[in-house]
Amino acid sequence: MPNRYPVTPATTLLDQRGAEYTKHQYDYRKKGATAAAQLMGVDPHAVIKTLVMMDDQGDPMIVLMHAENEVSLKELARQTDARNVSTAPVRDAERLTGYSVGGISPFATRRALPVFIQKTILELAYLYINGGRRGFILGMTPDTLVEVLTSTPVDVAR
């Protein structure tokens, strides 16, 4: 892979904040976060997917989840005081974040969205999260993630 990394709104924000992070690229294929983990040779548990969800009022939110886990929509609704929650349509996810699906980063989204983070992510020594482009991953500690993102811990993994 070339050493020329993309500059995205996510990396610009992290640089402005003086955040410590690493940049990684992999050959993107539409197989999701677990495939990215495999291609990068890292534990899928440390690869975090950025999911855009909508509550029953049509309010969007971001949920950060381990690559190998699903989000319990019922539990997420309960913990966010919504009647129900669903995955946002691709068009809405891209419009709200300014990123393409498969490359959505929780950093510097076009519209400020509440971020809910699976609480076990905070226990990781190091994590990998999308950098705002397909095939572009940022590595950082959970502390860095929490310093830059305002997030609410939830327990919604299944």
C-alpha atoms as a PDB file:
ATOM      1  CA  MET A   1       0.000   0.000   0.000  1.00  0.00           C
ATOM      2  CA  PRO A   2       1.214   3.504  -0.717  1.00  0.00           C
ATOM      3  CA  ASN A   3       2.199   5.701   2.188  1.00  0.00           C
ATOM      4  CA  ARG A   4       0.066   8.569   0.934  1.00  0.00           C
ATOM      5  CA  TYR A   5      -2.876   8.692   3.279  1.00  0.00           C
ATOM      6  CA  PRO A   6      -6.063  10.589   2.492  1.00  0.00           C
ATOM      7  CA  VAL A   7      -6.881  13.809   4.287  1.00  0.00           C
ATOM      8  CA  THR A   8     -10.475  13.619   5.508  1.00  0.00           C
ATOM      9  CA  PRO A   9     -12.620  15.778   7.808  1.00  0.00           C
ATOM     10  CA  ALA A  10     -11.858  13.145  10.486  1.00  0.00           C
ATOM     11  CA  THR A  11      -8.057  13.457  10.207  1.00  0.00           C
ATOM     12  CA  THR A  12      -8.321  17.249   9.997  1.00  0.00           C
ATOM     13  CA  LEU A  13     -10.312  17.337  13.261  1.00  0.00           C
ATOM     14  CA  LEU A  14      -7.926  14.936  15.021  1.00  0.00           C
ATOM     15  CA  ASP A  15      -4.924  16.988  13.874  1.00  0.00           C
ATOM     16  CA  GLN A  16      -6.580  20.233  15.052  1.00  0.00           C
ATOM     17  CA  ARG A  17      -7.149  18.648  18.470  1.00  0.00           C
ATOM     18  CA  GLY A  18      -3.562  17.375  18.670  1.00  0.00           C
ATOM     19  CA  ALA A  19      -4.829  13.811  19.018  1.00  0.00           C
ATOM     20  CA  GLU A  20      -2.426  10.877  18.843  1.00  0.00           C
ATOM     21  CA  TYR A  21      -3.457   8.343  16.231  1.00  0.00           C
ATOM     22  CA  THR A  22      -2.081   6.093  13.518  1.00  0.00           C
ATOM     23  CA  LYS A  23      -3.208   5.742   9.901  1.00  0.00           C
ATOM     24  CA  HIS A  24      -3.766   2.414   8.165  1.00  0.00           C
ATOM     25  CA  GLN A  25      -4.973   1.471   4.715  1.00  0.00           C
ATOM     26  CA  TYR A  26      -6.304  -1.840   3.470  1.00  0.00           C
ATOM     27  CA  ASP A  27      -7.746  -3.149   0.243  1.00  0.00           C
ATOM     28  CA  TYR A  28     -11.414  -2.265   0.682  1.00  0.00           C
ATOM     29  CA  ARG A  29     -13.939  -4.878  -0.318  1.00  0.00           C
ATOM     30  CA  LYS A  30     -17.595  -4.589   0.672  1.00  0.00           C
ATOM     31  CA  LYS A  31     -17.314  -7.106   3.479  1.00  0.00           C
ATOM     32  CA  GLY A  32     -17.401  -4.901   6.537  1.00  0.00           C
ATOM     33  CA  ALA A  33     -15.338  -4.383   9.650  1.00  0.00           C
ATOM     34  CA  THR A  34     -14.469  -8.043  10.300  1.00  0.00           C
ATOM     35  CA  ALA A  35     -12.928  -8.304   6.804  1.00  0.00           C
ATOM     36  CA  ALA A  36     -10.966  -5.102   7.496  1.00  0.00           C
ATOM     37  CA  ALA A  37      -9.651  -6.667  10.720  1.00  0.00           C
ATOM     38  CA  GLN A  38      -8.569  -9.777   8.851  1.00  0.00           C
ATOM     39  CA  LEU A  39      -6.866  -7.794   6.081  1.00  0.00           C
ATOM     40  CA  MET A  40      -5.073  -5.636   8.662  1.00  0.00           C
ATOM     41  CA  GLY A  41      -4.144  -8.623  10.848  1.00  0.00           C
ATOM     42  CA  VAL A  42      -5.817  -7.250  13.979  1.00  0.00           C
ATOM     43  CA  ASP A  43      -8.400  -8.652  16.392  1.00  0.00           C
ATOM     44  CA  PRO A  44     -11.936  -7.946  15.076  1.00  0.00           C
ATOM     45  CA  HIS A  45     -12.911  -7.023  18.644  1.00  0.00           C
ATOM     46  CA  ALA A  46     -10.589  -3.983  18.355  1.00  0.00           C
ATOM     47  CA  VAL A  47     -12.073  -2.849  15.029  1.00  0.00           C
ATOM     48  CA  ILE A  48     -14.977  -0.507  15.640  1.00  0.00           C
ATOM     49  CA  LYS A  49     -17.800   0.005  13.181  1.00  0.00           C
ATOM     50  CA  THR A  50     -19.617   3.326  12.970  1.00  0.00           C
ATOM     51  CA  LEU A  51     -23.355   2.788  12.515  1.00  0.00           C
ATOM     52  CA  VAL A  52     -25.940   5.461  11.794  1.00  0.00           C
ATOM     53  CA  MET A  53     -29.307   4.744  13.413  1.00  0.00           C
ATOM     54  CA  MET A  54     -32.643   6.564  13.631  1.00  0.00           C
ATOM     55  CA  ASP A  55     -35.094   6.586  16.501  1.00  0.00           C
ATOM     56  CA  ASP A  56     -38.877   6.518  16.158  1.00  0.00           C
ATOM     57  CA  GLN A  57     -38.925  10.352  16.023  1.00  0.00           C
ATOM     58  CA  GLY A  58     -36.578  10.311  13.018  1.00  0.00           C
ATOM     59  CA  ASP A  59     -33.672  11.614  15.099  1.00  0.00           C
ATOM     60  CA  PRO A  60     -30.333  10.203  13.915  1.00  0.00           C
ATOM     61  CA  MET A  61     -27.539   8.921  16.133  1.00  0.00           C
ATOM     62  CA  ILE A  62     -24.210   7.169  15.756  1.00  0.00           C
ATOM     63  CA  VAL A  63     -23.513   3.868  17.489  1.00  0.00           C
ATOM     64  CA  LEU A  64     -19.948   2.571  17.822  1.00  0.00           C
ATOM     65  CA  MET A  65     -19.759  -1.222  18.019  1.00  0.00           C
ATOM     66  CA  HIS A  66     -17.159  -4.018  17.893  1.00  0.00           C
ATOM     67  CA  ALA A  67     -16.804  -5.492  14.383  1.00  0.00           C
ATOM     68  CA  GLU A  68     -18.025  -8.950  15.384  1.00  0.00           C
ATOM     69  CA  ASN A  69     -21.089  -7.766  17.320  1.00  0.00           C
ATOM     70  CA  GLU A  70     -24.545  -6.679  16.283  1.00  0.00           C
ATOM     71  CA  VAL A  71     -26.476  -3.880  17.973  1.00  0.00           C
ATOM     72  CA  SER A  72     -29.521  -4.951  19.953  1.00  0.00           C
ATOM     73  CA  LEU A  73     -32.036  -2.429  18.587  1.00  0.00           C
ATOM     74  CA  LYS A  74     -34.438  -3.179  21.441  1.00  0.00           C
ATOM     75  CA  GLU A  75     -31.744  -2.516  24.054  1.00  0.00           C
ATOM     76  CA  LEU A  76     -30.505   0.600  22.231  1.00  0.00           C
ATOM     77  CA  ALA A  77     -34.054   1.992  22.174  1.00  0.00           C
ATOM     78  CA  ARG A  78     -34.419   1.268  25.884  1.00  0.00           C
ATOM     79  CA  GLN A  79     -31.102   2.923  26.774  1.00  0.00           C
ATOM     80  CA  THR A  80     -31.755   6.007  24.605  1.00  0.00           C
ATOM     81  CA  ASP A  81     -35.363   6.494  25.777  1.00  0.00           C
ATOM     82  CA  ALA A  82     -36.757   5.829  22.302  1.00  0.00           C
ATOM     83  CA  ARG A  83     -39.749   3.652  21.462  1.00  0.00           C
ATOM     84  CA  ASN A  84     -37.732   1.934  18.761  1.00  0.00           C
ATOM     85  CA  VAL A  85     -34.551   2.334  16.744  1.00  0.00           C
ATOM     86  CA  SER A  86     -33.607   1.202  13.251  1.00  0.00           C
ATOM     87  CA  THR A  87     -30.632   1.413  10.932  1.00  0.00           C
ATOM     88  CA  ALA A  88     -30.678   4.622   8.901  1.00  0.00           C
ATOM     89  CA  PRO A  89     -31.144   4.247   5.139  1.00  0.00           C
ATOM     90  CA  VAL A  90     -27.845   4.542   3.223  1.00  0.00           C
ATOM     91  CA  ARG A  91     -28.899   7.856   1.650  1.00  0.00           C
ATOM     92  CA  ASP A  92     -29.663   9.387   5.045  1.00  0.00           C
ATOM     93  CA  ALA A  93     -26.474   8.024   6.644  1.00  0.00           C
ATOM     94  CA  GLU A  94     -24.370   9.553   3.870  1.00  0.00           C
ATOM     95  CA  ARG A  95     -26.249  12.859   3.863  1.00  0.00           C
ATOM     96  CA  LEU A  96     -26.012  13.264   7.649  1.00  0.00           C
ATOM     97  CA  THR A  97     -22.350  12.292   7.997  1.00  0.00           C
ATOM     98  CA  GLY A  98     -20.856  13.506   4.733  1.00  0.00           C
ATOM     99  CA  TYR A  99     -19.138  10.124   4.364  1.00  0.00           C
ATOM    100  CA  SER A 100     -19.849   7.116   2.123  1.00  0.00           C
ATOM    101  CA  VAL A 101     -21.226   3.971   3.747  1.00  0.00           C
ATOM    102  CA  GLY A 102     -18.235   1.689   4.314  1.00  0.00           C
ATOM    103  CA  GLY A 103     -16.169   4.765   5.128  1.00  0.00           C
ATOM    104  CA  ILE A 104     -18.264   6.512   7.785  1.00  0.00           C
ATOM    105  CA  SER A 105     -16.222   7.995  10.610  1.00  0.00           C
ATOM    106  CA  PRO A 106     -17.738   9.299  13.850  1.00  0.00           C
ATOM    107  CA  PHE A 107     -15.374  12.293  13.683  1.00  0.00           C
ATOM    108  CA  ALA A 108     -16.338  15.574  11.999  1.00  0.00           C
ATOM    109  CA  THR A 109     -19.698  14.440  10.652  1.00  0.00           C
ATOM    110  CA  ARG A 110     -21.543  16.940   8.480  1.00  0.00           C
ATOM    111  CA  ARG A 111     -24.285  17.183  11.085  1.00  0.00           C
ATOM    112  CA  ALA A 112     -23.450  16.885  14.789  1.00  0.00           C
ATOM    113  CA  LEU A 113     -24.997  13.598  15.910  1.00  0.00           C
ATOM    114  CA  PRO A 114     -25.206  12.081  19.380  1.00  0.00           C
ATOM    115  CA  VAL A 115     -22.688   9.239  19.698  1.00  0.00           C
ATOM    116  CA  PHE A 116     -23.382   6.107  21.718  1.00  0.00           C
ATOM    117  CA  ILE A 117     -20.404   3.860  22.360  1.00  0.00           C
ATOM    118  CA  GLN A 118     -20.588   0.205  23.352  1.00  0.00           C
ATOM    119  CA  LYS A 119     -19.050   0.410  26.835  1.00  0.00           C
ATOM    120  CA  THR A 120     -16.700  -2.568  26.321  1.00  0.00           C
ATOM    121  CA  ILE A 121     -14.877  -0.533  23.632  1.00  0.00           C
ATOM    122  CA  LEU A 122     -13.582   1.667  26.449  1.00  0.00           C
ATOM    123  CA  GLU A 123     -11.807  -1.384  27.929  1.00  0.00           C
ATOM    124  CA  LEU A 124      -9.641  -1.966  24.841  1.00  0.00           C
ATOM    125  CA  ALA A 125      -5.924  -1.152  24.912  1.00  0.00           C
ATOM    126  CA  TYR A 126      -6.080   0.133  21.316  1.00  0.00           C
ATOM    127  CA  LEU A 127      -8.822   0.376  18.719  1.00  0.00           C
ATOM    128  CA  TYR A 128      -9.229   0.866  14.991  1.00  0.00           C
ATOM    129  CA  ILE A 129     -12.023   3.027  13.590  1.00  0.00           C
ATOM    130  CA  ASN A 130     -12.928   4.351  10.167  1.00  0.00           C
ATOM    131  CA  GLY A 131     -11.040   7.428   9.034  1.00  0.00           C
ATOM    132  CA  GLY A 132     -13.657   8.785   6.655  1.00  0.00           C
ATOM    133  CA  ARG A 133     -12.870   6.862   3.502  1.00  0.00           C
ATOM    134  CA  ARG A 134     -13.359   3.243   2.450  1.00  0.00           C
ATOM    135  CA  GLY A 135     -10.192   1.285   3.189  1.00  0.00           C
ATOM    136  CA  PHE A 136      -8.810   3.954   5.546  1.00  0.00           C
ATOM    137  CA  ILE A 137      -8.640   3.160   9.264  1.00  0.00           C
ATOM    138  CA  LEU A 138      -7.377   5.197  12.213  1.00  0.00           C
ATOM    139  CA  GLY A 139      -5.812   3.572  15.246  1.00  0.00           C
ATOM    140  CA  MET A 140      -6.017   5.161  18.697  1.00  0.00           C
ATOM    141  CA  THR A 141      -6.553   4.516  22.368  1.00  0.00           C
ATOM    142  CA  PRO A 142     -10.081   4.657  23.809  1.00  0.00           C
ATOM    143  CA  ASP A 143      -8.898   7.713  25.790  1.00  0.00           C
ATOM    144  CA  THR A 144      -8.187   9.579  22.542  1.00  0.00           C
ATOM    145  CA  LEU A 145     -11.594   8.585  21.172  1.00  0.00           C
ATOM    146  CA  VAL A 146     -13.333   9.878  24.313  1.00  0.00           C
ATOM    147  CA  GLU A 147     -11.292  13.115  24.375  1.00  0.00           C
ATOM    148  CA  VAL A 148     -12.268  14.015  20.818  1.00  0.00           C
ATOM    149  CA  LEU A 149     -15.816  12.631  20.695  1.00  0.00           C
ATOM    150  CA  THR A 150     -18.582  13.461  23.100  1.00  0.00           C
ATOM    151  CA  SER A 151     -20.143  10.046  23.601  1.00  0.00           C
ATOM    152  CA  THR A 152     -22.477   8.187  25.913  1.00  0.00           C
ATOM    153  CA  PRO A 153     -21.559   4.619  26.954  1.00  0.00           C
ATOM    154  CA  VAL A 154     -24.269   2.014  26.382  1.00  0.00           C
ATOM    155  CA  ASP A 155     -24.437  -1.760  26.672  1.00  0.00           C
ATOM    156  CA  VAL A 156     -26.190  -2.861  23.471  1.00  0.00           C
ATOM    157  CA  ALA A 157     -23.934  -5.566  22.002  1.00  0.00           C
ATOM    158  CA  ARG A 158     -25.288  -8.945  20.993  1.00  0.00           C
END
